[in-house]
Amino acid sequence: MTAEDLSFLPAALQAGVRPGTHGGVWHLSQAPDVVAALAAAGRLILGLDIRDYAADGTFVETSWSSYTGTDVGEARDRALEALRQPALPGEWVLITW
């Protein structure tokens, strides 16, 4: 993913990303704003994976939600609902769109 791929996001959200191959990884505190911005830009949120990073940069990833429909608004709402669940197993979110 290049910086150009995220140019439609606000600067603060662009600055907070850890680029990935099929999306980006944001801190949990930014994830709802990222989901909303992606949907506002017409991007379909396909899934969320929660990551827990160790000090050495390795991580454990837990598949948290997925969406197989075609409605951008419904995908956004499902992703936001998943992010509101208690006791997420990490502080970082891979958002795939």
PDB file of N, CA and C in Angstrom:
ATOM      1  N   MET A   1       0.858  -1.172   0.000  1.00  0.00           N
ATOM      2  CA  MET A   1       0.000   0.000   0.000  1.00  0.00           C
ATOM      3  C   MET A   1       0.901   1.229   0.000  1.00  0.00           C
ATOM      4  N   THR A   2       0.576   2.166  -0.853  1.00  0.00           N
ATOM      5  CA  THR A   2       1.347   3.396  -0.900  1.00  0.00           C
ATOM      6  C   THR A   2       0.588   4.506  -0.199  1.00  0.00           C
ATOM      7  N   ALA A   3       1.273   5.604   0.093  1.00  0.00           N
ATOM      8  CA  ALA A   3       0.620   6.753   0.726  1.00  0.00           C
ATOM      9  C   ALA A   3      -0.505   7.273  -0.157  1.00  0.00           C
ATOM     10  N   GLU A   4      -0.356   7.166  -1.475  1.00  0.00           N
ATOM     11  CA  GLU A   4      -1.401   7.615  -2.392  1.00  0.00           C
ATOM     12  C   GLU A   4      -2.705   6.856  -2.173  1.00  0.00           C
ATOM     13  N   ASP A   5      -2.607   5.597  -1.808  1.00  0.00           N
ATOM     14  CA  ASP A   5      -3.800   4.787  -1.598  1.00  0.00           C
ATOM     15  C   ASP A   5      -4.666   5.336  -0.473  1.00  0.00           C
ATOM     16  N   LEU A   6      -4.077   6.086   0.437  1.00  0.00           N
ATOM     17  CA  LEU A   6      -4.794   6.608   1.592  1.00  0.00           C
ATOM     18  C   LEU A   6      -5.029   8.108   1.507  1.00  0.00           C
ATOM     19  N   SER A   7      -4.779   8.695   0.370  1.00  0.00           N
ATOM     20  CA  SER A   7      -4.858  10.146   0.240  1.00  0.00           C
ATOM     21  C   SER A   7      -6.262  10.693   0.497  1.00  0.00           C
ATOM     22  N   PHE A   8      -7.272   9.859   0.417  1.00  0.00           N
ATOM     23  CA  PHE A   8      -8.647  10.290   0.675  1.00  0.00           C
ATOM     24  C   PHE A   8      -8.965  10.374   2.167  1.00  0.00           C
ATOM     25  N   LEU A   9      -8.081   9.850   3.008  1.00  0.00           N
ATOM     26  CA  LEU A   9      -8.288   9.900   4.458  1.00  0.00           C
ATOM     27  C   LEU A   9      -7.742  11.198   5.029  1.00  0.00           C
ATOM     28  N   PRO A  10      -8.303  11.686   6.135  1.00  0.00           N
ATOM     29  CA  PRO A  10      -7.730  12.843   6.817  1.00  0.00           C
ATOM     30  C   PRO A  10      -6.270  12.569   7.203  1.00  0.00           C
ATOM     31  N   ALA A  11      -5.486  13.627   7.258  1.00  0.00           N
ATOM     32  CA  ALA A  11      -4.045  13.503   7.519  1.00  0.00           C
ATOM     33  C   ALA A  11      -3.743  12.738   8.806  1.00  0.00           C
ATOM     34  N   ALA A  12      -4.502  12.967   9.857  1.00  0.00           N
ATOM     35  CA  ALA A  12      -4.246  12.284  11.136  1.00  0.00           C
ATOM     36  C   ALA A  12      -4.425  10.773  11.005  1.00  0.00           C
ATOM     37  N   LEU A  13      -5.380  10.352  10.188  1.00  0.00           N
ATOM     38  CA  LEU A  13      -5.596   8.920   9.992  1.00  0.00           C
ATOM     39  C   LEU A  13      -4.519   8.330   9.083  1.00  0.00           C
ATOM     40  N   GLN A  14      -4.072   9.106   8.105  1.00  0.00           N
ATOM     41  CA  GLN A  14      -2.966   8.646   7.259  1.00  0.00           C
ATOM     42  C   GLN A  14      -1.701   8.461   8.093  1.00  0.00           C
ATOM     43  N   ALA A  15      -1.464   9.389   9.015  1.00  0.00           N
ATOM     44  CA  ALA A  15      -0.253   9.348   9.838  1.00  0.00           C
ATOM     45  C   ALA A  15      -0.260   8.184  10.821  1.00  0.00           C
ATOM     46  N   GLY A  16      -1.429   7.709  11.209  1.00  0.00           N
ATOM     47  CA  GLY A  16      -1.531   6.667  12.219  1.00  0.00           C
ATOM     48  C   GLY A  16      -1.480   5.254  11.694  1.00  0.00           C
ATOM     49  N   VAL A  17      -1.381   5.063  10.393  1.00  0.00           N
ATOM     50  CA  VAL A  17      -1.473   3.724   9.811  1.00  0.00           C
ATOM     51  C   VAL A  17      -0.132   2.995   9.850  1.00  0.00           C
ATOM     52  N   ARG A  18      -0.242   1.702  10.061  1.00  0.00           N
ATOM     53  CA  ARG A  18       0.857   0.772   9.811  1.00  0.00           C
ATOM     54  C   ARG A  18       0.427   0.067   8.526  1.00  0.00           C
ATOM     55  N   PRO A  19       1.047   0.356   7.387  1.00  0.00           N
ATOM     56  CA  PRO A  19       0.579  -0.224   6.117  1.00  0.00           C
ATOM     57  C   PRO A  19       0.602  -1.748   6.128  1.00  0.00           C
ATOM     58  N   GLY A  20      -0.355  -2.321   5.442  1.00  0.00           N
ATOM     59  CA  GLY A  20      -0.443  -3.765   5.274  1.00  0.00           C
ATOM     60  C   GLY A  20      -0.680  -4.078   3.808  1.00  0.00           C
ATOM     61  N   THR A  21      -0.704  -5.345   3.472  1.00  0.00           N
ATOM     62  CA  THR A  21      -0.890  -5.707   2.069  1.00  0.00           C
ATOM     63  C   THR A  21      -2.332  -5.645   1.620  1.00  0.00           C
ATOM     64  N   HIS A  22      -3.257  -5.871   2.484  1.00  0.00           N
ATOM     65  CA  HIS A  22      -4.672  -5.900   2.092  1.00  0.00           C
ATOM     66  C   HIS A  22      -5.491  -4.902   2.891  1.00  0.00           C
ATOM     67  N   GLY A  23      -4.873  -3.881   3.365  1.00  0.00           N
ATOM     68  CA  GLY A  23      -5.557  -2.887   4.189  1.00  0.00           C
ATOM     69  C   GLY A  23      -4.520  -2.136   4.987  1.00  0.00           C
ATOM     70  N   GLY A  24      -4.918  -1.645   6.124  1.00  0.00           N
ATOM     71  CA  GLY A  24      -3.998  -0.933   6.999  1.00  0.00           C
ATOM     72  C   GLY A  24      -4.302  -1.269   8.441  1.00  0.00           C
ATOM     73  N   VAL A  25      -3.326  -1.045   9.295  1.00  0.00           N
ATOM     74  CA  VAL A  25      -3.470  -1.333  10.717  1.00  0.00           C
ATOM     75  C   VAL A  25      -3.447  -0.009  11.473  1.00  0.00           C
ATOM     76  N   TRP A  26      -4.478   0.220  12.252  1.00  0.00           N
ATOM     77  CA  TRP A  26      -4.589   1.431  13.066  1.00  0.00           C
ATOM     78  C   TRP A  26      -4.772   1.069  14.527  1.00  0.00           C
ATOM     79  N   HIS A  27      -4.389   1.992  15.406  1.00  0.00           N
ATOM     80  CA  HIS A  27      -4.642   1.815  16.825  1.00  0.00           C
ATOM     81  C   HIS A  27      -6.158   1.793  17.030  1.00  0.00           C
ATOM     82  N   LEU A  28      -6.582   1.035  17.995  1.00  0.00           N
ATOM     83  CA  LEU A  28      -8.002   0.891  18.289  1.00  0.00           C
ATOM     84  C   LEU A  28      -8.695   2.242  18.486  1.00  0.00           C
ATOM     85  N   SER A  29      -7.982   3.211  19.026  1.00  0.00           N
ATOM     86  CA  SER A  29      -8.580   4.525  19.268  1.00  0.00           C
ATOM     87  C   SER A  29      -8.936   5.248  17.967  1.00  0.00           C
ATOM     88  N   GLN A  30      -8.261   4.928  16.869  1.00  0.00           N
ATOM     89  CA  GLN A  30      -8.540   5.557  15.582  1.00  0.00           C
ATOM     90  C   GLN A  30      -9.455   4.725  14.691  1.00  0.00           C
ATOM     91  N   ALA A  31      -9.610   3.460  14.998  1.00  0.00           N
ATOM     92  CA  ALA A  31     -10.322   2.542  14.110  1.00  0.00           C
ATOM     93  C   ALA A  31     -11.744   2.992  13.750  1.00  0.00           C
ATOM     94  N   PRO A  32     -12.578   3.455  14.700  1.00  0.00           N
ATOM     95  CA  PRO A  32     -13.920   3.891  14.302  1.00  0.00           C
ATOM     96  C   PRO A  32     -13.895   5.049  13.303  1.00  0.00           C
ATOM     97  N   ASP A  33     -12.981   5.992  13.478  1.00  0.00           N
ATOM     98  CA  ASP A  33     -12.870   7.105  12.541  1.00  0.00           C
ATOM     99  C   ASP A  33     -12.409   6.626  11.169  1.00  0.00           C
ATOM    100  N   VAL A  34     -11.506   5.668  11.147  1.00  0.00           N
ATOM    101  CA  VAL A  34     -11.029   5.119   9.881  1.00  0.00           C
ATOM    102  C   VAL A  34     -12.164   4.407   9.157  1.00  0.00           C
ATOM    103  N   VAL A  35     -12.905   3.577   9.879  1.00  0.00           N
ATOM    104  CA  VAL A  35     -14.042   2.869   9.279  1.00  0.00           C
ATOM    105  C   VAL A  35     -15.031   3.869   8.679  1.00  0.00           C
ATOM    106  N   ALA A  36     -15.359   4.905   9.432  1.00  0.00           N
ATOM    107  CA  ALA A  36     -16.298   5.919   8.945  1.00  0.00           C
ATOM    108  C   ALA A  36     -15.756   6.631   7.709  1.00  0.00           C
ATOM    109  N   ALA A  37     -14.474   6.986   7.722  1.00  0.00           N
ATOM    110  CA  ALA A  37     -13.874   7.685   6.581  1.00  0.00           C
ATOM    111  C   ALA A  37     -13.802   6.793   5.348  1.00  0.00           C
ATOM    112  N   LEU A  38     -13.470   5.527   5.544  1.00  0.00           N
ATOM    113  CA  LEU A  38     -13.442   4.597   4.419  1.00  0.00           C
ATOM    114  C   LEU A  38     -14.825   4.480   3.785  1.00  0.00           C
ATOM    115  N   ALA A  39     -15.825   4.311   4.614  1.00  0.00           N
ATOM    116  CA  ALA A  39     -17.199   4.188   4.097  1.00  0.00           C
ATOM    117  C   ALA A  39     -17.640   5.474   3.402  1.00  0.00           C
ATOM    118  N   ALA A  40     -17.303   6.616   3.977  1.00  0.00           N
ATOM    119  CA  ALA A  40     -17.673   7.895   3.358  1.00  0.00           C
ATOM    120  C   ALA A  40     -17.025   8.048   1.983  1.00  0.00           C
ATOM    121  N   ALA A  41     -15.866   7.410   1.795  1.00  0.00           N
ATOM    122  CA  ALA A  41     -15.175   7.447   0.513  1.00  0.00           C
ATOM    123  C   ALA A  41     -15.633   6.326  -0.415  1.00  0.00           C
ATOM    124  N   GLY A  42     -16.670   5.587   0.004  1.00  0.00           N
ATOM    125  CA  GLY A  42     -17.224   4.523  -0.830  1.00  0.00           C
ATOM    126  C   GLY A  42     -16.507   3.201  -0.749  1.00  0.00           C
ATOM    127  N   ARG A  43     -15.597   3.051   0.214  1.00  0.00           N
ATOM    128  CA  ARG A  43     -14.872   1.782   0.366  1.00  0.00           C
ATOM    129  C   ARG A  43     -15.711   0.811   1.186  1.00  0.00           C
ATOM    130  N   LEU A  44     -15.768  -0.416   0.746  1.00  0.00           N
ATOM    131  CA  LEU A  44     -16.518  -1.482   1.406  1.00  0.00           C
ATOM    132  C   LEU A  44     -15.612  -2.168   2.424  1.00  0.00           C
ATOM    133  N   ILE A  45     -15.960  -2.103   3.699  1.00  0.00           N
ATOM    134  CA  ILE A  45     -15.174  -2.741   4.761  1.00  0.00           C
ATOM    135  C   ILE A  45     -15.449  -4.241   4.711  1.00  0.00           C
ATOM    136  N   LEU A  46     -14.420  -5.012   4.408  1.00  0.00           N
ATOM    137  CA  LEU A  46     -14.567  -6.465   4.275  1.00  0.00           C
ATOM    138  C   LEU A  46     -14.307  -7.199   5.575  1.00  0.00           C
ATOM    139  N   GLY A  47     -13.437  -6.644   6.418  1.00  0.00           N
ATOM    140  CA  GLY A  47     -13.143  -7.352   7.649  1.00  0.00           C
ATOM    141  C   GLY A  47     -12.269  -6.574   8.602  1.00  0.00           C
ATOM    142  N   LEU A  48     -12.283  -7.040   9.843  1.00  0.00           N
ATOM    143  CA  LEU A  48     -11.451  -6.495  10.911  1.00  0.00           C
ATOM    144  C   LEU A  48     -10.726  -7.653  11.583  1.00  0.00           C
ATOM    145  N   ASP A  49      -9.446  -7.469  11.803  1.00  0.00           N
ATOM    146  CA  ASP A  49      -8.649  -8.411  12.577  1.00  0.00           C
ATOM    147  C   ASP A  49      -7.998  -7.612  13.693  1.00  0.00           C
ATOM    148  N   ILE A  50      -8.089  -8.126  14.898  1.00  0.00           N
ATOM    149  CA  ILE A  50      -7.502  -7.447  16.053  1.00  0.00           C
ATOM    150  C   ILE A  50      -6.100  -7.986  16.268  1.00  0.00           C
ATOM    151  N   ARG A  51      -5.155  -7.082  16.452  1.00  0.00           N
ATOM    152  CA  ARG A  51      -3.760  -7.477  16.663  1.00  0.00           C
ATOM    153  C   ARG A  51      -3.276  -7.050  18.039  1.00  0.00           C
ATOM    154  N   ASP A  52      -2.479  -7.931  18.628  1.00  0.00           N
ATOM    155  CA  ASP A  52      -1.801  -7.652  19.884  1.00  0.00           C
ATOM    156  C   ASP A  52      -0.308  -7.764  19.606  1.00  0.00           C
ATOM    157  N   TYR A  53       0.384  -6.622  19.601  1.00  0.00           N
ATOM    158  CA  TYR A  53       1.814  -6.582  19.285  1.00  0.00           C
ATOM    159  C   TYR A  53       2.664  -6.815  20.530  1.00  0.00           C
ATOM    160  N   ALA A  54       3.742  -7.563  20.348  1.00  0.00           N
ATOM    161  CA  ALA A  54       4.751  -7.748  21.388  1.00  0.00           C
ATOM    162  C   ALA A  54       5.807  -6.656  21.222  1.00  0.00           C
ATOM    163  N   ALA A  55       6.659  -6.499  22.206  1.00  0.00           N
ATOM    164  CA  ALA A  55       7.704  -5.471  22.175  1.00  0.00           C
ATOM    165  C   ALA A  55       8.646  -5.631  20.981  1.00  0.00           C
ATOM    166  N   ASP A  56       8.847  -6.865  20.504  1.00  0.00           N
ATOM    167  CA  ASP A  56       9.761  -7.097  19.385  1.00  0.00           C
ATOM    168  C   ASP A  56       9.098  -6.906  18.020  1.00  0.00           C
ATOM    169  N   GLY A  57       7.822  -6.482  18.006  1.00  0.00           N
ATOM    170  CA  GLY A  57       7.137  -6.227  16.747  1.00  0.00           C
ATOM    171  C   GLY A  57       6.334  -7.398  16.218  1.00  0.00           C
ATOM    172  N   THR A  58       6.506  -8.564  16.796  1.00  0.00           N
ATOM    173  CA  THR A  58       5.671  -9.694  16.388  1.00  0.00           C
ATOM    174  C   THR A  58       4.267  -9.474  16.938  1.00  0.00           C
ATOM    175  N   PHE A  59       3.303 -10.182  16.383  1.00  0.00           N
ATOM    176  CA  PHE A  59       1.939  -9.981  16.846  1.00  0.00           C
ATOM    177  C   PHE A  59       1.126 -11.261  16.735  1.00  0.00           C
ATOM    178  N   VAL A  60       0.055 -11.284  17.508  1.00  0.00           N
ATOM    179  CA  VAL A  60      -0.962 -12.320  17.412  1.00  0.00           C
ATOM    180  C   VAL A  60      -2.182 -11.635  16.824  1.00  0.00           C
ATOM    181  N   GLU A  61      -2.761 -12.250  15.805  1.00  0.00           N
ATOM    182  CA  GLU A  61      -3.904 -11.643  15.117  1.00  0.00           C
ATOM    183  C   GLU A  61      -5.131 -12.534  15.285  1.00  0.00           C
ATOM    184  N   THR A  62      -6.248 -11.897  15.625  1.00  0.00           N
ATOM    185  CA  THR A  62      -7.508 -12.606  15.804  1.00  0.00           C
ATOM    186  C   THR A  62      -8.519 -12.063  14.807  1.00  0.00           C
ATOM    187  N   SER A  63      -9.058 -12.933  13.989  1.00  0.00           N
ATOM    188  CA  SER A  63     -10.113 -12.515  13.067  1.00  0.00           C
ATOM    189  C   SER A  63     -11.311 -12.084  13.894  1.00  0.00           C
ATOM    190  N   TRP A  64     -11.806 -10.875  13.665  1.00  0.00           N
ATOM    191  CA  TRP A  64     -12.834 -10.319  14.539  1.00  0.00           C
ATOM    192  C   TRP A  64     -14.185 -10.164  13.860  1.00  0.00           C
ATOM    193  N   SER A  65     -14.184  -9.748  12.615  1.00  0.00           N
ATOM    194  CA  SER A  65     -15.464  -9.627  11.899  1.00  0.00           C
ATOM    195  C   SER A  65     -15.199  -9.688  10.410  1.00  0.00           C
ATOM    196  N   SER A  66     -16.239 -10.072   9.666  1.00  0.00           N
ATOM    197  CA  SER A  66     -16.140 -10.081   8.209  1.00  0.00           C
ATOM    198  C   SER A  66     -17.500  -9.715   7.628  1.00  0.00           C
ATOM    199  N   TYR A  67     -17.467  -9.241   6.401  1.00  0.00           N
ATOM    200  CA  TYR A  67     -18.691  -8.833   5.711  1.00  0.00           C
ATOM    201  C   TYR A  67     -18.593  -9.311   4.272  1.00  0.00           C
ATOM    202  N   THR A  68     -19.642  -9.963   3.790  1.00  0.00           N
ATOM    203  CA  THR A  68     -19.631 -10.507   2.433  1.00  0.00           C
ATOM    204  C   THR A  68     -20.667  -9.862   1.521  1.00  0.00           C
ATOM    205  N   GLY A  69     -21.374  -8.859   2.036  1.00  0.00           N
ATOM    206  CA  GLY A  69     -22.380  -8.184   1.228  1.00  0.00           C
ATOM    207  C   GLY A  69     -21.774  -7.123   0.335  1.00  0.00           C
ATOM    208  N   THR A  70     -22.641  -6.245  -0.182  1.00  0.00           N
ATOM    209  CA  THR A  70     -22.190  -5.203  -1.101  1.00  0.00           C
ATOM    210  C   THR A  70     -22.599  -3.801  -0.659  1.00  0.00           C
ATOM    211  N   ASP A  71     -23.262  -3.676   0.479  1.00  0.00           N
ATOM    212  CA  ASP A  71     -23.748  -2.381   0.947  1.00  0.00           C
ATOM    213  C   ASP A  71     -22.710  -1.713   1.846  1.00  0.00           C
ATOM    214  N   VAL A  72     -22.186  -0.590   1.389  1.00  0.00           N
ATOM    215  CA  VAL A  72     -21.130   0.115   2.117  1.00  0.00           C
ATOM    216  C   VAL A  72     -21.591   0.536   3.512  1.00  0.00           C
ATOM    217  N   GLY A  73     -22.820   1.044   3.622  1.00  0.00           N
ATOM    218  CA  GLY A  73     -23.339   1.482   4.913  1.00  0.00           C
ATOM    219  C   GLY A  73     -23.516   0.334   5.888  1.00  0.00           C
ATOM    220  N   GLU A  74     -24.019  -0.773   5.392  1.00  0.00           N
ATOM    221  CA  GLU A  74     -24.193  -1.943   6.255  1.00  0.00           C
ATOM    222  C   GLU A  74     -22.833  -2.477   6.710  1.00  0.00           C
ATOM    223  N   ALA A  75     -21.864  -2.503   5.810  1.00  0.00           N
ATOM    224  CA  ALA A  75     -20.520  -2.965   6.162  1.00  0.00           C
ATOM    225  C   ALA A  75     -19.919  -2.058   7.232  1.00  0.00           C
ATOM    226  N   ARG A  76     -20.089  -0.743   7.069  1.00  0.00           N
ATOM    227  CA  ARG A  76     -19.601   0.216   8.070  1.00  0.00           C
ATOM    228  C   ARG A  76     -20.230  -0.058   9.427  1.00  0.00           C
ATOM    229  N   ASP A  77     -21.555  -0.201   9.442  1.00  0.00           N
ATOM    230  CA  ASP A  77     -22.264  -0.416  10.702  1.00  0.00           C
ATOM    231  C   ASP A  77     -21.826  -1.699  11.394  1.00  0.00           C
ATOM    232  N   ARG A  78     -21.631  -2.758  10.630  1.00  0.00           N
ATOM    233  CA  ARG A  78     -21.176  -4.022  11.229  1.00  0.00           C
ATOM    234  C   ARG A  78     -19.769  -3.893  11.797  1.00  0.00           C
ATOM    235  N   ALA A  79     -18.907  -3.193  11.083  1.00  0.00           N
ATOM    236  CA  ALA A  79     -17.539  -3.000  11.577  1.00  0.00           C
ATOM    237  C   ALA A  79     -17.543  -2.172  12.862  1.00  0.00           C
ATOM    238  N   LEU A  80     -18.329  -1.111  12.877  1.00  0.00           N
ATOM    239  CA  LEU A  80     -18.390  -0.272  14.078  1.00  0.00           C
ATOM    240  C   LEU A  80     -18.968  -1.047  15.260  1.00  0.00           C
ATOM    241  N   GLU A  81     -19.967  -1.876  15.003  1.00  0.00           N
ATOM    242  CA  GLU A  81     -20.534  -2.711  16.067  1.00  0.00           C
ATOM    243  C   GLU A  81     -19.478  -3.677  16.611  1.00  0.00           C
ATOM    244  N   ALA A  82     -18.699  -4.264  15.724  1.00  0.00           N
ATOM    245  CA  ALA A  82     -17.648  -5.199  16.155  1.00  0.00           C
ATOM    246  C   ALA A  82     -16.599  -4.499  17.001  1.00  0.00           C
ATOM    247  N   LEU A  83     -16.302  -3.245  16.676  1.00  0.00           N
ATOM    248  CA  LEU A  83     -15.306  -2.493  17.446  1.00  0.00           C
ATOM    249  C   LEU A  83     -15.807  -2.105  18.830  1.00  0.00           C
ATOM    250  N   ARG A  84     -17.117  -2.102  19.024  1.00  0.00           N
ATOM    251  CA  ARG A  84     -17.685  -1.754  20.336  1.00  0.00           C
ATOM    252  C   ARG A  84     -17.779  -2.945  21.284  1.00  0.00           C
ATOM    253  N   GLN A  85     -17.408  -4.114  20.821  1.00  0.00           N
ATOM    254  CA  GLN A  85     -17.476  -5.299  21.677  1.00  0.00           C
ATOM    255  C   GLN A  85     -16.481  -5.164  22.834  1.00  0.00           C
ATOM    256  N   PRO A  86     -16.870  -5.660  24.008  1.00  0.00           N
ATOM    257  CA  PRO A  86     -15.956  -5.573  25.159  1.00  0.00           C
ATOM    258  C   PRO A  86     -14.787  -6.546  25.017  1.00  0.00           C
ATOM    259  N   ALA A  87     -13.712  -6.210  25.674  1.00  0.00           N
ATOM    260  CA  ALA A  87     -12.542  -7.090  25.796  1.00  0.00           C
ATOM    261  C   ALA A  87     -11.966  -7.518  24.452  1.00  0.00           C
ATOM    262  N   LEU A  88     -11.670  -6.563  23.583  1.00  0.00           N
ATOM    263  CA  LEU A  88     -11.001  -6.895  22.329  1.00  0.00           C
ATOM    264  C   LEU A  88      -9.624  -7.468  22.648  1.00  0.00           C
ATOM    265  N   PRO A  89      -9.176  -8.473  21.889  1.00  0.00           N
ATOM    266  CA  PRO A  89      -7.920  -9.162  22.220  1.00  0.00           C
ATOM    267  C   PRO A  89      -6.659  -8.461  21.724  1.00  0.00           C
ATOM    268  N   GLY A  90      -6.655  -7.143  21.695  1.00  0.00           N
ATOM    269  CA  GLY A  90      -5.483  -6.382  21.272  1.00  0.00           C
ATOM    270  C   GLY A  90      -5.839  -4.917  21.142  1.00  0.00           C
ATOM    271  N   GLU A  91      -4.834  -4.101  20.832  1.00  0.00           N
ATOM    272  CA  GLU A  91      -5.035  -2.656  20.737  1.00  0.00           C
ATOM    273  C   GLU A  91      -4.895  -2.117  19.324  1.00  0.00           C
ATOM    274  N   TRP A  92      -4.696  -2.988  18.340  1.00  0.00           N
ATOM    275  CA  TRP A  92      -4.515  -2.573  16.958  1.00  0.00           C
ATOM    276  C   TRP A  92      -5.507  -3.326  16.084  1.00  0.00           C
ATOM    277  N   VAL A  93      -5.938  -2.680  14.999  1.00  0.00           N
ATOM    278  CA  VAL A  93      -6.961  -3.272  14.128  1.00  0.00           C
ATOM    279  C   VAL A  93      -6.493  -3.235  12.679  1.00  0.00           C
ATOM    280  N   LEU A  94      -6.440  -4.400  12.061  1.00  0.00           N
ATOM    281  CA  LEU A  94      -6.228  -4.489  10.619  1.00  0.00           C
ATOM    282  C   LEU A  94      -7.593  -4.325   9.972  1.00  0.00           C
ATOM    283  N   ILE A  95      -7.739  -3.278   9.185  1.00  0.00           N
ATOM    284  CA  ILE A  95      -8.995  -3.011   8.487  1.00  0.00           C
ATOM    285  C   ILE A  95      -8.777  -3.339   7.023  1.00  0.00           C
ATOM    286  N   THR A  96      -9.569  -4.265   6.525  1.00  0.00           N
ATOM    287  CA  THR A  96      -9.458  -4.692   5.134  1.00  0.00           C
ATOM    288  C   THR A  96     -10.649  -4.160   4.366  1.00  0.00           C
ATOM    289  N   TRP A  97     -10.363  -3.576   3.209  1.00  0.00           N
ATOM    290  CA  TRP A  97     -11.441  -3.062   2.362  1.00  0.00           C
ATOM    291  C   TRP A  97     -11.198  -3.428   0.926  1.00  0.00           C
TER     292      TRP A  97
END
